[in-house]
Amino acid sequence: MISKFLSKLKSILFKSAVTSETPLKIEKKAAKSAKTKTKTKTVNPKKNIETLTTLPGVGAKSAKALYEAGFKTTKAVIAADEKDLLAVSGVGINLVKKLKKLK
């Protein structure tokens, strides 16, 4: 009788000794929580390229070139170093000057 009481007390205090869930239920919960944690943000390249065209002096071709070079947002373009921008084909010194005025 005392051993039953102690095991019950132990299960209450530590909650890992006795569980009412079967291993299958635990596995389903883990799979469900893994699905909810792995939500990824979908990236729309066309939308990002259109956003880059809002910068002064940036047209469709230069926006596409900037996007392909790794500049995905307008903030990334504005914060970029002049040398990095000039390395992108289709981007000249005049465009870089216009972009640096935005800082």
C-alpha atoms as a PDB file:
ATOM      1  CA  MET A   1       0.000   0.000   0.000  1.00  0.00           C
ATOM      2  CA  ILE A   2       2.785   2.443   0.846  1.00  0.00           C
ATOM      3  CA  SER A   3       4.622   1.540  -2.366  1.00  0.00           C
ATOM      4  CA  LYS A   4       1.488   2.355  -4.413  1.00  0.00           C
ATOM      5  CA  PHE A   5       1.189   5.660  -2.614  1.00  0.00           C
ATOM      6  CA  LEU A   6       4.849   6.476  -3.234  1.00  0.00           C
ATOM      7  CA  SER A   7       4.662   5.553  -6.921  1.00  0.00           C
ATOM      8  CA  LYS A   8       1.532   7.685  -7.310  1.00  0.00           C
ATOM      9  CA  LEU A   9       3.221  10.572  -5.518  1.00  0.00           C
ATOM     10  CA  LYS A  10       6.298  10.147  -7.696  1.00  0.00           C
ATOM     11  CA  SER A  11       4.160  10.179 -10.845  1.00  0.00           C
ATOM     12  CA  ILE A  12       2.437  13.351  -9.723  1.00  0.00           C
ATOM     13  CA  LEU A  13       5.659  15.126  -8.819  1.00  0.00           C
ATOM     14  CA  PHE A  14       7.696  14.126 -11.849  1.00  0.00           C
ATOM     15  CA  LYS A  15       4.903  13.489 -14.388  1.00  0.00           C
ATOM     16  CA  SER A  16       7.234  11.394 -16.534  1.00  0.00           C
ATOM     17  CA  ALA A  17       6.861   8.138 -14.601  1.00  0.00           C
ATOM     18  CA  VAL A  18       3.253   7.515 -15.625  1.00  0.00           C
ATOM     19  CA  THR A  19       1.730   8.798 -18.845  1.00  0.00           C
ATOM     20  CA  SER A  20      -1.646   8.000 -20.282  1.00  0.00           C
ATOM     21  CA  GLU A  21      -0.457   8.599 -23.838  1.00  0.00           C
ATOM     22  CA  THR A  22       0.585   5.745 -26.040  1.00  0.00           C
ATOM     23  CA  PRO A  23       3.777   5.979 -28.084  1.00  0.00           C
ATOM     24  CA  LEU A  24       1.641   6.440 -31.215  1.00  0.00           C
ATOM     25  CA  LYS A  25      -0.069   9.493 -29.706  1.00  0.00           C
ATOM     26  CA  ILE A  26       3.290  10.947 -28.725  1.00  0.00           C
ATOM     27  CA  GLU A  27       4.633  10.373 -32.249  1.00  0.00           C
ATOM     28  CA  LYS A  28       1.598  12.078 -33.805  1.00  0.00           C
ATOM     29  CA  LYS A  29       2.032  15.086 -31.512  1.00  0.00           C
ATOM     30  CA  ALA A  30       5.706  15.340 -32.432  1.00  0.00           C
ATOM     31  CA  ALA A  31       4.891  15.160 -36.145  1.00  0.00           C
ATOM     32  CA  LYS A  32       2.194  17.804 -35.777  1.00  0.00           C
ATOM     33  CA  SER A  33       4.461  20.178 -33.875  1.00  0.00           C
ATOM     34  CA  ALA A  34       7.233  19.634 -36.433  1.00  0.00           C
ATOM     35  CA  LYS A  35       4.837  20.606 -39.221  1.00  0.00           C
ATOM     36  CA  THR A  36       3.851  23.840 -37.518  1.00  0.00           C
ATOM     37  CA  LYS A  37       7.437  24.798 -36.751  1.00  0.00           C
ATOM     38  CA  THR A  38       8.671  24.389 -40.317  1.00  0.00           C
ATOM     39  CA  LYS A  39       6.528  27.041 -41.927  1.00  0.00           C
ATOM     40  CA  THR A  40       8.629  28.865 -44.467  1.00  0.00           C
ATOM     41  CA  LYS A  41       8.129  32.208 -46.025  1.00  0.00           C
ATOM     42  CA  THR A  42       7.441  31.946 -49.727  1.00  0.00           C
ATOM     43  CA  VAL A  43       9.606  34.193 -51.823  1.00  0.00           C
ATOM     44  CA  ASN A  44       8.131  35.780 -54.916  1.00  0.00           C
ATOM     45  CA  PRO A  45      11.021  36.888 -57.151  1.00  0.00           C
ATOM     46  CA  LYS A  46       8.789  38.911 -59.481  1.00  0.00           C
ATOM     47  CA  LYS A  47       7.413  40.907 -56.564  1.00  0.00           C
ATOM     48  CA  ASN A  48      10.914  41.540 -55.191  1.00  0.00           C
ATOM     49  CA  ILE A  49      12.161  42.688 -58.616  1.00  0.00           C
ATOM     50  CA  GLU A  50       9.171  45.030 -58.941  1.00  0.00           C
ATOM     51  CA  THR A  51       9.989  46.424 -55.504  1.00  0.00           C
ATOM     52  CA  LEU A  52      13.553  47.148 -56.596  1.00  0.00           C
ATOM     53  CA  THR A  53      12.236  49.228 -59.507  1.00  0.00           C
ATOM     54  CA  THR A  54      10.869  51.732 -56.971  1.00  0.00           C
ATOM     55  CA  LEU A  55      14.428  52.916 -56.385  1.00  0.00           C
ATOM     56  CA  PRO A  56      15.340  56.026 -58.383  1.00  0.00           C
ATOM     57  CA  GLY A  57      17.168  55.173 -61.592  1.00  0.00           C
ATOM     58  CA  VAL A  58      16.504  51.441 -61.344  1.00  0.00           C
ATOM     59  CA  GLY A  59      14.595  49.983 -64.266  1.00  0.00           C
ATOM     60  CA  ALA A  60      13.413  46.464 -64.948  1.00  0.00           C
ATOM     61  CA  LYS A  61      16.744  45.227 -66.336  1.00  0.00           C
ATOM     62  CA  SER A  62      18.904  46.644 -63.594  1.00  0.00           C
ATOM     63  CA  ALA A  63      16.422  45.471 -60.942  1.00  0.00           C
ATOM     64  CA  LYS A  64      16.633  41.927 -62.305  1.00  0.00           C
ATOM     65  CA  ALA A  65      20.437  42.129 -62.380  1.00  0.00           C
ATOM     66  CA  LEU A  66      20.529  43.393 -58.780  1.00  0.00           C
ATOM     67  CA  TYR A  67      18.162  40.641 -57.652  1.00  0.00           C
ATOM     68  CA  GLU A  68      20.232  37.944 -59.355  1.00  0.00           C
ATOM     69  CA  ALA A  69      23.378  39.392 -57.761  1.00  0.00           C
ATOM     70  CA  GLY A  70      21.886  38.827 -54.314  1.00  0.00           C
ATOM     71  CA  PHE A  71      20.320  42.184 -53.500  1.00  0.00           C
ATOM     72  CA  LYS A  72      16.804  41.009 -52.638  1.00  0.00           C
ATOM     73  CA  THR A  73      15.440  44.146 -50.957  1.00  0.00           C
ATOM     74  CA  THR A  74      15.686  47.888 -51.402  1.00  0.00           C
ATOM     75  CA  LYS A  75      17.362  48.141 -47.993  1.00  0.00           C
ATOM     76  CA  ALA A  76      20.056  45.727 -49.148  1.00  0.00           C
ATOM     77  CA  VAL A  77      20.725  47.822 -52.248  1.00  0.00           C
ATOM     78  CA  ILE A  78      20.899  51.078 -50.298  1.00  0.00           C
ATOM     79  CA  ALA A  79      23.186  49.583 -47.644  1.00  0.00           C
ATOM     80  CA  ALA A  80      25.484  47.897 -50.173  1.00  0.00           C
ATOM     81  CA  ASP A  81      29.029  49.035 -50.806  1.00  0.00           C
ATOM     82  CA  GLU A  82      29.692  50.979 -54.027  1.00  0.00           C
ATOM     83  CA  LYS A  83      32.160  48.372 -55.257  1.00  0.00           C
ATOM     84  CA  ASP A  84      29.591  45.600 -54.825  1.00  0.00           C
ATOM     85  CA  LEU A  85      26.997  47.535 -56.788  1.00  0.00           C
ATOM     86  CA  LEU A  86      29.415  48.369 -59.578  1.00  0.00           C
ATOM     87  CA  ALA A  87      30.254  44.670 -59.913  1.00  0.00           C
ATOM     88  CA  VAL A  88      26.674  44.012 -61.043  1.00  0.00           C
ATOM     89  CA  SER A  89      26.297  44.129 -64.821  1.00  0.00           C
ATOM     90  CA  GLY A  90      23.948  46.891 -65.902  1.00  0.00           C
ATOM     91  CA  VAL A  91      24.732  49.091 -62.918  1.00  0.00           C
ATOM     92  CA  GLY A  92      26.865  52.136 -63.624  1.00  0.00           C
ATOM     93  CA  ILE A  93      28.454  54.884 -61.621  1.00  0.00           C
ATOM     94  CA  ASN A  94      25.514  57.275 -62.148  1.00  0.00           C
ATOM     95  CA  LEU A  95      23.063  54.764 -60.708  1.00  0.00           C
ATOM     96  CA  VAL A  96      25.342  54.139 -57.749  1.00  0.00           C
ATOM     97  CA  LYS A  97      25.507  57.888 -57.086  1.00  0.00           C
ATOM     98  CA  LYS A  98      21.693  58.120 -57.114  1.00  0.00           C
ATOM     99  CA  LEU A  99      21.412  55.193 -54.735  1.00  0.00           C
ATOM    100  CA  LYS A 100      24.013  56.574 -52.326  1.00  0.00           C
ATOM    101  CA  LYS A 101      22.044  59.830 -52.057  1.00  0.00           C
ATOM    102  CA  LEU A 102      19.285  57.775 -50.400  1.00  0.00           C
ATOM    103  CA  LYS A 103      21.435  56.881 -47.373  1.00  0.00           C
END
